[in-house]
Amino acid sequence: MVASATWRERKSHNLPFAGRRRQNRRGNVARVTVEDCLDRVSNHFALCILAAERARQLAAGSIPLVVCHNKAAVTALREIGGGRVSFKENVDETVRTFLAVRRDDGAIVGAFTLSQIFLGSFRSAYLGYWVGAPHARQGYMAEGIELLLRHAFRTLGLHRVEANLQPGNGASRALVRRAGFRLEGFSPRYLRIAGRWRDHERWAITVEDFRASGRR
């Protein structure tokens, strides 16, 4: 599923939130519920992707579409609940985001992203991922990456998936190695993180590697 966001402005700043509302001393809505936002967005998956994307834009300096003095994440939810932000699928075919959801209770434990998806004769993508701290080292991402690779190779028809890791990230190295990735090389000063250019290791897996391991 491809998820991306488009923003539309409206004249009114009135936010039609459902149910009881608590206001802070400035008169702003202090709480936004998921149900408020789901009135505007079709499902929890779409809501998570939309809220994260909009919060990143706000943190990067985008002008808020509502009067709000809260953090970017809260502002994003208020925009969604107020109908100021819309969700549109299948816009950017080069990025796909997948949530890792625990089956028992529906908790979001992490996420995977396939970016710079190229088809044609290349058929490759870059893999990124994160896991919530309370859910780390419990095997959730190991299970999730198997499903992700199956989708990448079988459904999307990719030939190669690449992951770039910082050398000191032992947990990420263990995750990709267990999934069948191989170390292909080292990229000095590959990516700027927290104001510094960081070295990365380049790991990758091809569909032939995936099939040779007995997975289909």
C-alpha atoms as a PDB file:
ATOM      1  CA  MET A   1       0.000   0.000   0.000  1.00  0.00           C
ATOM      2  CA  VAL A   2       1.354   3.397  -0.917  1.00  0.00           C
ATOM      3  CA  ALA A   3       0.541   6.197   1.465  1.00  0.00           C
ATOM      4  CA  SER A   4       1.161   9.881   1.029  1.00  0.00           C
ATOM      5  CA  ALA A   5      -0.418  13.095   2.168  1.00  0.00           C
ATOM      6  CA  THR A   6      -1.878  16.102   0.438  1.00  0.00           C
ATOM      7  CA  TRP A   7      -2.856  19.271   2.275  1.00  0.00           C
ATOM      8  CA  ARG A   8      -5.820  21.517   1.580  1.00  0.00           C
ATOM      9  CA  GLU A   9      -6.587  24.786   3.348  1.00  0.00           C
ATOM     10  CA  ARG A  10      -9.998  25.909   4.501  1.00  0.00           C
ATOM     11  CA  LYS A  11     -11.150  29.309   5.728  1.00  0.00           C
ATOM     12  CA  SER A  12     -12.615  28.262   9.063  1.00  0.00           C
ATOM     13  CA  HIS A  13     -10.508  27.372  12.092  1.00  0.00           C
ATOM     14  CA  ASN A  14     -13.431  25.647  13.844  1.00  0.00           C
ATOM     15  CA  LEU A  15     -12.561  22.025  14.587  1.00  0.00           C
ATOM     16  CA  PRO A  16     -15.553  19.639  14.660  1.00  0.00           C
ATOM     17  CA  PHE A  17     -14.180  17.246  17.298  1.00  0.00           C
ATOM     18  CA  ALA A  18     -16.624  14.699  18.653  1.00  0.00           C
ATOM     19  CA  GLY A  19     -17.400  14.149  22.318  1.00  0.00           C
ATOM     20  CA  ARG A  20     -16.135  16.072  25.348  1.00  0.00           C
ATOM     21  CA  ARG A  21     -13.293  18.547  24.888  1.00  0.00           C
ATOM     22  CA  ARG A  22     -10.903  19.888  27.496  1.00  0.00           C
ATOM     23  CA  GLN A  23      -9.445  23.329  26.854  1.00  0.00           C
ATOM     24  CA  ASN A  24      -6.223  24.785  28.157  1.00  0.00           C
ATOM     25  CA  ARG A  25      -5.833  28.344  29.427  1.00  0.00           C
ATOM     26  CA  ARG A  26      -5.334  29.678  25.902  1.00  0.00           C
ATOM     27  CA  GLY A  27      -8.647  28.227  24.768  1.00  0.00           C
ATOM     28  CA  ASN A  28      -7.081  25.588  22.528  1.00  0.00           C
ATOM     29  CA  VAL A  29      -8.290  22.012  22.366  1.00  0.00           C
ATOM     30  CA  ALA A  30      -5.863  20.134  24.611  1.00  0.00           C
ATOM     31  CA  ARG A  31      -6.807  16.572  23.658  1.00  0.00           C
ATOM     32  CA  VAL A  32      -7.459  14.851  20.361  1.00  0.00           C
ATOM     33  CA  THR A  33      -8.736  11.289  20.247  1.00  0.00           C
ATOM     34  CA  VAL A  34      -8.116   8.711  17.559  1.00  0.00           C
ATOM     35  CA  GLU A  35     -11.862   8.541  17.008  1.00  0.00           C
ATOM     36  CA  ASP A  36     -11.912  12.245  16.149  1.00  0.00           C
ATOM     37  CA  CYS A  37      -9.350  11.653  13.421  1.00  0.00           C
ATOM     38  CA  LEU A  38     -10.913   8.441  12.148  1.00  0.00           C
ATOM     39  CA  ASP A  39     -13.999  10.453  11.259  1.00  0.00           C
ATOM     40  CA  ARG A  40     -11.784  11.966   8.572  1.00  0.00           C
ATOM     41  CA  VAL A  41      -9.384   9.111   7.755  1.00  0.00           C
ATOM     42  CA  SER A  42     -10.506   5.657   6.676  1.00  0.00           C
ATOM     43  CA  ASN A  43      -8.510   3.401   9.036  1.00  0.00           C
ATOM     44  CA  HIS A  44      -5.799   3.250  11.699  1.00  0.00           C
ATOM     45  CA  PHE A  45      -3.074   2.428   9.166  1.00  0.00           C
ATOM     46  CA  ALA A  46      -3.867   5.444   7.015  1.00  0.00           C
ATOM     47  CA  LEU A  47      -4.108   7.656  10.101  1.00  0.00           C
ATOM     48  CA  CYS A  48      -0.669   6.613  11.397  1.00  0.00           C
ATOM     49  CA  ILE A  49       0.996   7.245   8.046  1.00  0.00           C
ATOM     50  CA  LEU A  50      -0.742  10.577   7.532  1.00  0.00           C
ATOM     51  CA  ALA A  51      -0.021  11.834  11.061  1.00  0.00           C
ATOM     52  CA  ALA A  52       3.652  10.856  10.873  1.00  0.00           C
ATOM     53  CA  GLU A  53       4.117  12.465   7.459  1.00  0.00           C
ATOM     54  CA  ARG A  54       2.411  15.699   8.481  1.00  0.00           C
ATOM     55  CA  ALA A  55       4.304  15.871  11.806  1.00  0.00           C
ATOM     56  CA  ARG A  56       7.596  15.595   9.894  1.00  0.00           C
ATOM     57  CA  GLN A  57       6.549  18.481   7.652  1.00  0.00           C
ATOM     58  CA  LEU A  58       5.573  20.628  10.633  1.00  0.00           C
ATOM     59  CA  ALA A  59       8.834  19.851  12.421  1.00  0.00           C
ATOM     60  CA  ALA A  60      10.682  20.913   9.279  1.00  0.00           C
ATOM     61  CA  GLY A  61       8.993  24.321   9.327  1.00  0.00           C
ATOM     62  CA  SER A  62       5.717  23.864   7.432  1.00  0.00           C
ATOM     63  CA  ILE A  63       3.069  26.440   8.437  1.00  0.00           C
ATOM     64  CA  PRO A  64       0.318  24.879  10.623  1.00  0.00           C
ATOM     65  CA  LEU A  65      -3.184  24.887   9.151  1.00  0.00           C
ATOM     66  CA  VAL A  66      -4.819  25.333  12.574  1.00  0.00           C
ATOM     67  CA  VAL A  67      -4.202  27.716  15.464  1.00  0.00           C
ATOM     68  CA  CYS A  68      -2.211  25.499  17.801  1.00  0.00           C
ATOM     69  CA  HIS A  69       0.613  26.035  20.282  1.00  0.00           C
ATOM     70  CA  ASN A  70       1.436  22.375  20.804  1.00  0.00           C
ATOM     71  CA  LYS A  71       4.091  20.041  19.431  1.00  0.00           C
ATOM     72  CA  ALA A  72       4.095  18.957  15.798  1.00  0.00           C
ATOM     73  CA  ALA A  73       2.426  15.594  16.491  1.00  0.00           C
ATOM     74  CA  VAL A  74      -0.511  17.217  18.326  1.00  0.00           C
ATOM     75  CA  THR A  75      -0.840  19.903  15.679  1.00  0.00           C
ATOM     76  CA  ALA A  76      -0.919  17.235  12.969  1.00  0.00           C
ATOM     77  CA  LEU A  77      -3.723  15.365  14.737  1.00  0.00           C
ATOM     78  CA  ARG A  78      -5.731  18.562  15.185  1.00  0.00           C
ATOM     79  CA  GLU A  79      -5.341  19.290  11.471  1.00  0.00           C
ATOM     80  CA  ILE A  80      -6.562  15.801  10.619  1.00  0.00           C
ATOM     81  CA  GLY A  81      -9.467  15.936  13.070  1.00  0.00           C
ATOM     82  CA  GLY A  82     -10.490  19.287  11.665  1.00  0.00           C
ATOM     83  CA  GLY A  83     -10.545  18.045   8.115  1.00  0.00           C
ATOM     84  CA  ARG A  84      -7.672  20.305   7.125  1.00  0.00           C
ATOM     85  CA  VAL A  85      -5.464  17.406   6.018  1.00  0.00           C
ATOM     86  CA  SER A  86      -6.590  14.756   3.555  1.00  0.00           C
ATOM     87  CA  PHE A  87      -5.295  11.267   2.880  1.00  0.00           C
ATOM     88  CA  LYS A  88      -4.670  10.125  -0.654  1.00  0.00           C
ATOM     89  CA  GLU A  89      -3.411   6.718  -1.696  1.00  0.00           C
ATOM     90  CA  ASN A  90      -1.165   5.629  -4.531  1.00  0.00           C
ATOM     91  CA  VAL A  91       0.484   8.988  -5.204  1.00  0.00           C
ATOM     92  CA  ASP A  92       4.168   8.246  -4.709  1.00  0.00           C
ATOM     93  CA  GLU A  93       4.898   4.860  -6.206  1.00  0.00           C
ATOM     94  CA  THR A  94       8.536   5.007  -5.061  1.00  0.00           C
ATOM     95  CA  VAL A  95       7.838   4.778  -1.314  1.00  0.00           C
ATOM     96  CA  ARG A  96       5.843   2.219   0.619  1.00  0.00           C
ATOM     97  CA  THR A  97       5.456   2.072   4.395  1.00  0.00           C
ATOM     98  CA  PHE A  98       4.340  -0.985   6.359  1.00  0.00           C
ATOM     99  CA  LEU A  99       3.399  -1.097  10.033  1.00  0.00           C
ATOM    100  CA  ALA A 100       4.411  -4.051  12.215  1.00  0.00           C
ATOM    101  CA  VAL A 101       1.282  -4.721  14.272  1.00  0.00           C
ATOM    102  CA  ARG A 102       1.062  -7.223  17.107  1.00  0.00           C
ATOM    103  CA  ARG A 103      -1.754  -9.632  16.352  1.00  0.00           C
ATOM    104  CA  ASP A 104      -2.925 -10.118  19.952  1.00  0.00           C
ATOM    105  CA  ASP A 105      -3.794  -6.511  20.784  1.00  0.00           C
ATOM    106  CA  GLY A 106      -3.202  -4.471  17.624  1.00  0.00           C
ATOM    107  CA  ALA A 107      -0.261  -2.566  19.121  1.00  0.00           C
ATOM    108  CA  ILE A 108       2.081  -0.945  16.586  1.00  0.00           C
ATOM    109  CA  VAL A 109       5.523  -2.311  17.458  1.00  0.00           C
ATOM    110  CA  GLY A 110       7.507  -0.848  14.552  1.00  0.00           C
ATOM    111  CA  ALA A 111       7.500  -0.049  10.857  1.00  0.00           C
ATOM    112  CA  PHE A 112       9.324  -0.834   7.616  1.00  0.00           C
ATOM    113  CA  THR A 113       9.807   1.463   4.632  1.00  0.00           C
ATOM    114  CA  LEU A 114      10.754   0.577   1.077  1.00  0.00           C
ATOM    115  CA  SER A 115      11.981   3.730  -0.617  1.00  0.00           C
ATOM    116  CA  GLN A 116      13.423   4.700  -3.989  1.00  0.00           C
ATOM    117  CA  ILE A 117      11.570   1.779  -5.548  1.00  0.00           C
ATOM    118  CA  PHE A 118      12.779   1.362  -9.116  1.00  0.00           C
ATOM    119  CA  LEU A 119      11.212  -1.134 -11.503  1.00  0.00           C
ATOM    120  CA  GLY A 120      12.104  -1.768 -15.134  1.00  0.00           C
ATOM    121  CA  SER A 121      15.495  -3.430 -15.519  1.00  0.00           C
ATOM    122  CA  PHE A 122      16.682  -2.363 -12.037  1.00  0.00           C
ATOM    123  CA  ARG A 123      13.840  -3.579  -9.755  1.00  0.00           C
ATOM    124  CA  SER A 124      15.462  -2.469  -6.508  1.00  0.00           C
ATOM    125  CA  ALA A 125      14.595  -0.593  -3.304  1.00  0.00           C
ATOM    126  CA  TYR A 126      16.135   0.639  -0.059  1.00  0.00           C
ATOM    127  CA  LEU A 127      14.910  -0.763   3.240  1.00  0.00           C
ATOM    128  CA  GLY A 128      14.477   1.292   6.399  1.00  0.00           C
ATOM    129  CA  TYR A 129      12.856   0.327   9.689  1.00  0.00           C
ATOM    130  CA  TRP A 130      12.339   1.235  13.320  1.00  0.00           C
ATOM    131  CA  VAL A 131      11.037  -0.550  16.412  1.00  0.00           C
ATOM    132  CA  GLY A 132       9.454   0.959  19.515  1.00  0.00           C
ATOM    133  CA  ALA A 133      11.725   0.719  22.552  1.00  0.00           C
ATOM    134  CA  PRO A 134       9.210  -1.323  24.651  1.00  0.00           C
ATOM    135  CA  HIS A 135       9.021  -3.924  21.854  1.00  0.00           C
ATOM    136  CA  ALA A 136      12.709  -4.255  21.008  1.00  0.00           C
ATOM    137  CA  ARG A 137      14.550  -7.600  21.221  1.00  0.00           C
ATOM    138  CA  GLN A 138      11.340  -9.643  21.278  1.00  0.00           C
ATOM    139  CA  GLY A 139      11.527 -11.038  17.753  1.00  0.00           C
ATOM    140  CA  TYR A 140       8.774  -8.873  16.268  1.00  0.00           C
ATOM    141  CA  MET A 141      10.980  -7.244  13.652  1.00  0.00           C
ATOM    142  CA  ALA A 142      12.544 -10.564  12.680  1.00  0.00           C
ATOM    143  CA  GLU A 143       9.073 -11.876  11.877  1.00  0.00           C
ATOM    144  CA  GLY A 144       8.094  -8.630  10.203  1.00  0.00           C
ATOM    145  CA  ILE A 145      11.103  -8.470   7.898  1.00  0.00           C
ATOM    146  CA  GLU A 146      10.280 -11.951   6.590  1.00  0.00           C
ATOM    147  CA  LEU A 147       6.806 -10.782   5.610  1.00  0.00           C
ATOM    148  CA  LEU A 148       8.251  -7.589   4.157  1.00  0.00           C
ATOM    149  CA  LEU A 149      10.738  -9.454   1.964  1.00  0.00           C
ATOM    150  CA  ARG A 150       8.062 -11.867   0.779  1.00  0.00           C
ATOM    151  CA  HIS A 151       5.946  -8.901  -0.259  1.00  0.00           C
ATOM    152  CA  ALA A 152       8.894  -7.125  -1.904  1.00  0.00           C
ATOM    153  CA  PHE A 153       9.932 -10.106  -4.013  1.00  0.00           C
ATOM    154  CA  ARG A 154       6.613 -11.805  -4.681  1.00  0.00           C
ATOM    155  CA  THR A 155       4.087  -8.964  -4.838  1.00  0.00           C
ATOM    156  CA  LEU A 156       6.167  -5.981  -5.933  1.00  0.00           C
ATOM    157  CA  GLY A 157       8.411  -8.095  -8.135  1.00  0.00           C
ATOM    158  CA  LEU A 158      11.667  -6.579  -6.866  1.00  0.00           C
ATOM    159  CA  HIS A 159      15.017  -8.201  -7.577  1.00  0.00           C
ATOM    160  CA  ARG A 160      17.119  -6.551  -4.847  1.00  0.00           C
ATOM    161  CA  VAL A 161      16.573  -4.892  -1.460  1.00  0.00           C
ATOM    162  CA  GLU A 162      19.369  -2.875   0.155  1.00  0.00           C
ATOM    163  CA  ALA A 163      19.767  -1.749   3.776  1.00  0.00           C
ATOM    164  CA  ASN A 164      22.416   0.707   4.979  1.00  0.00           C
ATOM    165  CA  LEU A 165      23.428   0.435   8.634  1.00  0.00           C
ATOM    166  CA  GLN A 166      25.752   2.300  10.943  1.00  0.00           C
ATOM    167  CA  PRO A 167      28.661   0.008  11.894  1.00  0.00           C
ATOM    168  CA  GLY A 168      27.931   0.259  15.599  1.00  0.00           C
ATOM    169  CA  ASN A 169      24.309  -0.846  15.289  1.00  0.00           C
ATOM    170  CA  GLY A 170      24.646  -4.471  16.315  1.00  0.00           C
ATOM    171  CA  ALA A 171      20.904  -5.066  16.582  1.00  0.00           C
ATOM    172  CA  SER A 172      20.288  -3.944  12.999  1.00  0.00           C
ATOM    173  CA  ARG A 173      23.207  -5.993  11.728  1.00  0.00           C
ATOM    174  CA  ALA A 174      21.846  -9.101  13.465  1.00  0.00           C
ATOM    175  CA  LEU A 175      18.383  -8.465  12.029  1.00  0.00           C
ATOM    176  CA  VAL A 176      19.441  -8.210   8.393  1.00  0.00           C
ATOM    177  CA  ARG A 177      22.004 -11.014   8.638  1.00  0.00           C
ATOM    178  CA  ARG A 178      19.361 -13.344  10.054  1.00  0.00           C
ATOM    179  CA  ALA A 179      17.030 -12.339   7.211  1.00  0.00           C
ATOM    180  CA  GLY A 180      19.626 -13.401   4.643  1.00  0.00           C
ATOM    181  CA  PHE A 181      21.223 -10.077   3.729  1.00  0.00           C
ATOM    182  CA  ARG A 182      24.919 -10.119   2.886  1.00  0.00           C
ATOM    183  CA  LEU A 183      27.504  -7.410   3.525  1.00  0.00           C
ATOM    184  CA  GLU A 184      28.379  -5.811   0.183  1.00  0.00           C
ATOM    185  CA  GLY A 185      30.536  -2.881   1.165  1.00  0.00           C
ATOM    186  CA  PHE A 186      31.321   0.154   3.292  1.00  0.00           C
ATOM    187  CA  SER A 187      30.247   3.733   2.533  1.00  0.00           C
ATOM    188  CA  PRO A 188      32.260   6.433   4.355  1.00  0.00           C
ATOM    189  CA  ARG A 189      30.258   9.486   5.438  1.00  0.00           C
ATOM    190  CA  TYR A 190      27.173   8.088   3.731  1.00  0.00           C
ATOM    191  CA  LEU A 191      24.336   9.826   5.593  1.00  0.00           C
ATOM    192  CA  ARG A 192      24.026  12.954   7.718  1.00  0.00           C
ATOM    193  CA  ILE A 193      22.536  12.137  11.129  1.00  0.00           C
ATOM    194  CA  ALA A 194      22.301  14.599  14.025  1.00  0.00           C
ATOM    195  CA  GLY A 195      24.537  17.063  12.201  1.00  0.00           C
ATOM    196  CA  ARG A 196      27.326  14.622  11.383  1.00  0.00           C
ATOM    197  CA  TRP A 197      28.092  12.553   8.288  1.00  0.00           C
ATOM    198  CA  ARG A 198      28.028   8.917   9.408  1.00  0.00           C
ATOM    199  CA  ASP A 199      29.735   5.876   7.919  1.00  0.00           C
ATOM    200  CA  HIS A 200      27.443   3.015   6.897  1.00  0.00           C
ATOM    201  CA  GLU A 201      27.682  -0.627   5.958  1.00  0.00           C
ATOM    202  CA  ARG A 202      25.836  -1.667   2.822  1.00  0.00           C
ATOM    203  CA  TRP A 203      23.810  -4.901   3.157  1.00  0.00           C
ATOM    204  CA  ALA A 204      21.590  -6.409   0.447  1.00  0.00           C
ATOM    205  CA  ILE A 205      19.549  -9.443  -0.502  1.00  0.00           C
ATOM    206  CA  THR A 206      18.359 -10.527  -3.958  1.00  0.00           C
ATOM    207  CA  VAL A 207      15.398 -12.630  -4.908  1.00  0.00           C
ATOM    208  CA  GLU A 208      17.832 -15.457  -5.769  1.00  0.00           C
ATOM    209  CA  ASP A 209      19.229 -15.312  -2.222  1.00  0.00           C
ATOM    210  CA  PHE A 210      15.700 -15.335  -0.850  1.00  0.00           C
ATOM    211  CA  ARG A 211      14.696 -18.392  -2.895  1.00  0.00           C
ATOM    212  CA  ALA A 212      17.959 -20.236  -2.198  1.00  0.00           C
ATOM    213  CA  SER A 213      17.205 -20.102   1.519  1.00  0.00           C
ATOM    214  CA  GLY A 214      14.073 -22.169   0.904  1.00  0.00           C
ATOM    215  CA  ARG A 215      11.664 -19.267   1.213  1.00  0.00           C
ATOM    216  CA  ARG A 216       9.068 -18.626  -1.462  1.00  0.00           C
END
